[in-house]
C-alpha atoms as a PDB file:
ATOM      1  CA  MET A   1      20.131  42.161  22.215  1.00  0.00           C
ATOM      2  CA  SER A   2      20.328  42.297  25.983  1.00  0.00           C
ATOM      3  CA  PRO A   3      23.163  44.200  27.687  1.00  0.00           C
ATOM      4  CA  GLU A   4      24.309  41.003  29.423  1.00  0.00           C
ATOM      5  CA  ALA A   5      24.922  39.265  26.067  1.00  0.00           C
ATOM      6  CA  ILE A   6      27.376  41.912  24.842  1.00  0.00           C
ATOM      7  CA  GLU A   7      30.971  41.090  25.727  1.00  0.00           C
ATOM      8  CA  HIS A   8      32.908  44.068  26.945  1.00  0.00           C
ATOM      9  CA  PRO A   9      36.455  44.191  25.510  1.00  0.00           C
ATOM     10  CA  THR A  10      38.089  44.775  28.892  1.00  0.00           C
ATOM     11  CA  THR A  11      35.919  42.583  31.139  1.00  0.00           C
ATOM     12  CA  GLY A  12      34.635  39.805  28.842  1.00  0.00           C
ATOM     13  CA  PRO A  13      36.153  36.356  28.385  1.00  0.00           C
ATOM     14  CA  GLY A  14      39.728  36.551  27.156  1.00  0.00           C
ATOM     15  CA  ALA A  15      40.079  40.140  28.291  1.00  0.00           C
ATOM     16  CA  GLY A  16      43.455  41.687  27.653  1.00  0.00           C
ATOM     17  CA  ARG A  17      44.686  38.811  25.501  1.00  0.00           C
ATOM     18  CA  GLY A  18      44.015  40.221  22.080  1.00  0.00           C
ATOM     19  CA  ARG A  19      44.186  37.732  19.265  1.00  0.00           C
ATOM     20  CA  ARG A  20      46.525  34.778  19.825  1.00  0.00           C
ATOM     21  CA  ALA A  21      48.197  32.834  17.036  1.00  0.00           C
ATOM     22  CA  THR A  22      46.636  29.408  16.529  1.00  0.00           C
ATOM     23  CA  ARG A  23      47.761  26.428  14.466  1.00  0.00           C
ATOM     24  CA  ILE A  24      46.105  23.149  13.471  1.00  0.00           C
ATOM     25  CA  GLY A  25      48.247  20.030  13.370  1.00  0.00           C
ATOM     26  CA  VAL A  26      48.559  16.330  14.138  1.00  0.00           C
ATOM     27  CA  VAL A  27      49.784  14.933  17.456  1.00  0.00           C
ATOM     28  CA  THR A  28      52.941  12.920  16.797  1.00  0.00           C
ATOM     29  CA  SER A  29      53.891  12.175  20.412  1.00  0.00           C
ATOM     30  CA  SER A  30      51.920  12.171  23.641  1.00  0.00           C
ATOM     31  CA  ARG A  31      54.268  10.150  25.866  1.00  0.00           C
ATOM     32  CA  ARG A  32      55.319  12.965  28.182  1.00  0.00           C
ATOM     33  CA  ASN A  33      53.212  14.102  31.118  1.00  0.00           C
ATOM     34  CA  LYS A  34      50.994  17.100  30.154  1.00  0.00           C
ATOM     35  CA  THR A  35      53.010  17.689  26.961  1.00  0.00           C
ATOM     36  CA  ILE A  36      52.239  16.818  23.349  1.00  0.00           C
ATOM     37  CA  ARG A  37      54.280  17.218  20.191  1.00  0.00           C
ATOM     38  CA  VAL A  38      52.245  18.632  17.304  1.00  0.00           C
ATOM     39  CA  THR A  39      53.395  18.618  13.680  1.00  0.00           C
ATOM     40  CA  VAL A  40      52.003  21.419  11.521  1.00  0.00           C
ATOM     41  CA  SER A  41      52.422  20.731   7.789  1.00  0.00           C
ATOM     42  CA  TYR A  42      52.216  23.369   5.072  1.00  0.00           C
ATOM     43  CA  MET A  43      53.178  23.907   1.437  1.00  0.00           C
ATOM     44  CA  VAL A  44      55.479  26.671   0.217  1.00  0.00           C
ATOM     45  CA  ARG A  45      56.277  27.626  -3.358  1.00  0.00           C
ATOM     46  CA  HIS A  46      59.911  27.618  -4.496  1.00  0.00           C
ATOM     47  CA  PRO A  47      60.856  31.203  -5.434  1.00  0.00           C
ATOM     48  CA  LYS A  48      62.718  30.313  -8.629  1.00  0.00           C
ATOM     49  CA  TYR A  49      61.242  27.072  -9.942  1.00  0.00           C
ATOM     50  CA  GLY A  50      57.656  27.394  -8.756  1.00  0.00           C
ATOM     51  CA  LYS A  51      57.439  23.837  -7.429  1.00  0.00           C
ATOM     52  CA  TYR A  52      55.473  23.425  -4.199  1.00  0.00           C
ATOM     53  CA  LEU A  53      57.557  22.004  -1.376  1.00  0.00           C
ATOM     54  CA  ARG A  54      56.201  20.269   1.704  1.00  0.00           C
ATOM     55  CA  ARG A  55      57.398  21.798   4.977  1.00  0.00           C
ATOM     56  CA  ARG A  56      56.587  21.118   8.612  1.00  0.00           C
ATOM     57  CA  THR A  57      56.931  22.779  11.985  1.00  0.00           C
ATOM     58  CA  VAL A  58      57.120  20.813  15.226  1.00  0.00           C
ATOM     59  CA  LEU A  59      55.498  22.477  18.253  1.00  0.00           C
ATOM     60  CA  HIS A  60      55.520  21.363  21.877  1.00  0.00           C
ATOM     61  CA  ALA A  61      52.162  22.104  23.500  1.00  0.00           C
ATOM     62  CA  HIS A  62      50.696  21.919  26.999  1.00  0.00           C
ATOM     63  CA  ASP A  63      47.906  19.338  27.456  1.00  0.00           C
ATOM     64  CA  GLU A  64      46.618  19.949  30.990  1.00  0.00           C
ATOM     65  CA  ARG A  65      44.342  16.879  31.190  1.00  0.00           C
ATOM     66  CA  ASN A  66      46.500  14.416  29.184  1.00  0.00           C
ATOM     67  CA  GLU A  67      43.558  13.817  26.842  1.00  0.00           C
ATOM     68  CA  CYS A  68      45.377  13.674  23.470  1.00  0.00           C
ATOM     69  CA  ARG A  69      46.565  10.533  21.708  1.00  0.00           C
ATOM     70  CA  ASP A  70      48.933  10.055  18.789  1.00  0.00           C
ATOM     71  CA  GLY A  71      47.216  10.876  15.489  1.00  0.00           C
ATOM     72  CA  ASP A  72      44.634  13.320  16.880  1.00  0.00           C
ATOM     73  CA  VAL A  73      44.062  16.516  14.902  1.00  0.00           C
ATOM     74  CA  VAL A  74      44.270  19.411  17.362  1.00  0.00           C
ATOM     75  CA  GLU A  75      44.239  23.194  17.534  1.00  0.00           C
ATOM     76  CA  VAL A  76      46.955  24.873  19.611  1.00  0.00           C
ATOM     77  CA  ALA A  77      47.336  28.527  20.604  1.00  0.00           C
ATOM     78  CA  GLN A  78      50.453  30.474  21.460  1.00  0.00           C
ATOM     79  CA  CYS A  79      50.975  31.347  25.129  1.00  0.00           C
ATOM     80  CA  ARG A  80      53.714  32.430  27.511  1.00  0.00           C
ATOM     81  CA  PRO A  81      56.777  30.156  27.735  1.00  0.00           C
ATOM     82  CA  LEU A  82      55.981  27.196  29.988  1.00  0.00           C
ATOM     83  CA  SER A  83      59.405  25.561  29.644  1.00  0.00           C
ATOM     84  CA  LYS A  84      62.487  25.765  27.434  1.00  0.00           C
ATOM     85  CA  THR A  85      60.673  24.497  24.318  1.00  0.00           C
ATOM     86  CA  LYS A  86      56.973  24.671  25.252  1.00  0.00           C
ATOM     87  CA  CYS A  87      55.092  27.895  24.477  1.00  0.00           C
ATOM     88  CA  TRP A  88      51.835  26.555  22.982  1.00  0.00           C
ATOM     89  CA  ARG A  89      48.724  25.194  24.710  1.00  0.00           C
ATOM     90  CA  LEU A  90      45.983  22.845  23.572  1.00  0.00           C
ATOM     91  CA  VAL A  91      42.764  24.648  22.630  1.00  0.00           C
ATOM     92  CA  ARG A  92      40.626  21.750  21.377  1.00  0.00           C
ATOM     93  CA  ILE A  93      40.727  18.333  19.776  1.00  0.00           C
ATOM     94  CA  ILE A  94      39.254  18.630  16.289  1.00  0.00           C
ATOM     95  CA  SER A  95      39.146  14.909  15.467  1.00  0.00           C
ATOM     96  CA  ARG A  96      40.224  11.774  17.270  1.00  0.00           C
ATOM     97  CA  ALA A  97      42.585   9.171  15.840  1.00  0.00           C
ATOM     98  CA  PRO A  98      41.057   5.709  15.407  1.00  0.00           C
ATOM     99  CA  GLN A  99      41.427   3.618  18.563  1.00  0.00           C
ATOM    100  CA  GLU A 100      44.006   0.851  18.225  1.00  0.00           C
ATOM    101  CA  LYS A 101      42.830  -2.680  18.904  1.00  0.00           C
ATOM    102  CA  GLY A 102      44.127  -3.915  22.252  1.00  0.00           C
ATOM    103  CA  GLY A 103      46.283  -7.004  22.068  1.00  0.00           C
ATOM    104  CA  SER A 104      49.839  -8.145  22.425  1.00  0.00           C
ATOM    105  CA  ALA A 105      51.857  -8.640  19.285  1.00  0.00           C
END
């Protein structure tokens, strides 16, 4: 392995960041400029009865290029607060939602 290929922990990409929390969810709203709303769903077991309950967390994330659409599956990472409710940023789009047929109803 060449010395150039080895990433140095203090000078390589992402230096000083450590490991950031990431979540995978579905875009539920992309109407605002450079902001998306992502819903992260998960299951949790009831402590007494053992039944699995469906829970969700709604995150507001920064989409710099306005490339997300409703229904896309995306990965978001935690970052510094960008506004009152927005402290996540878009990392990548995992899968695209099917394109809606254009036409007036």
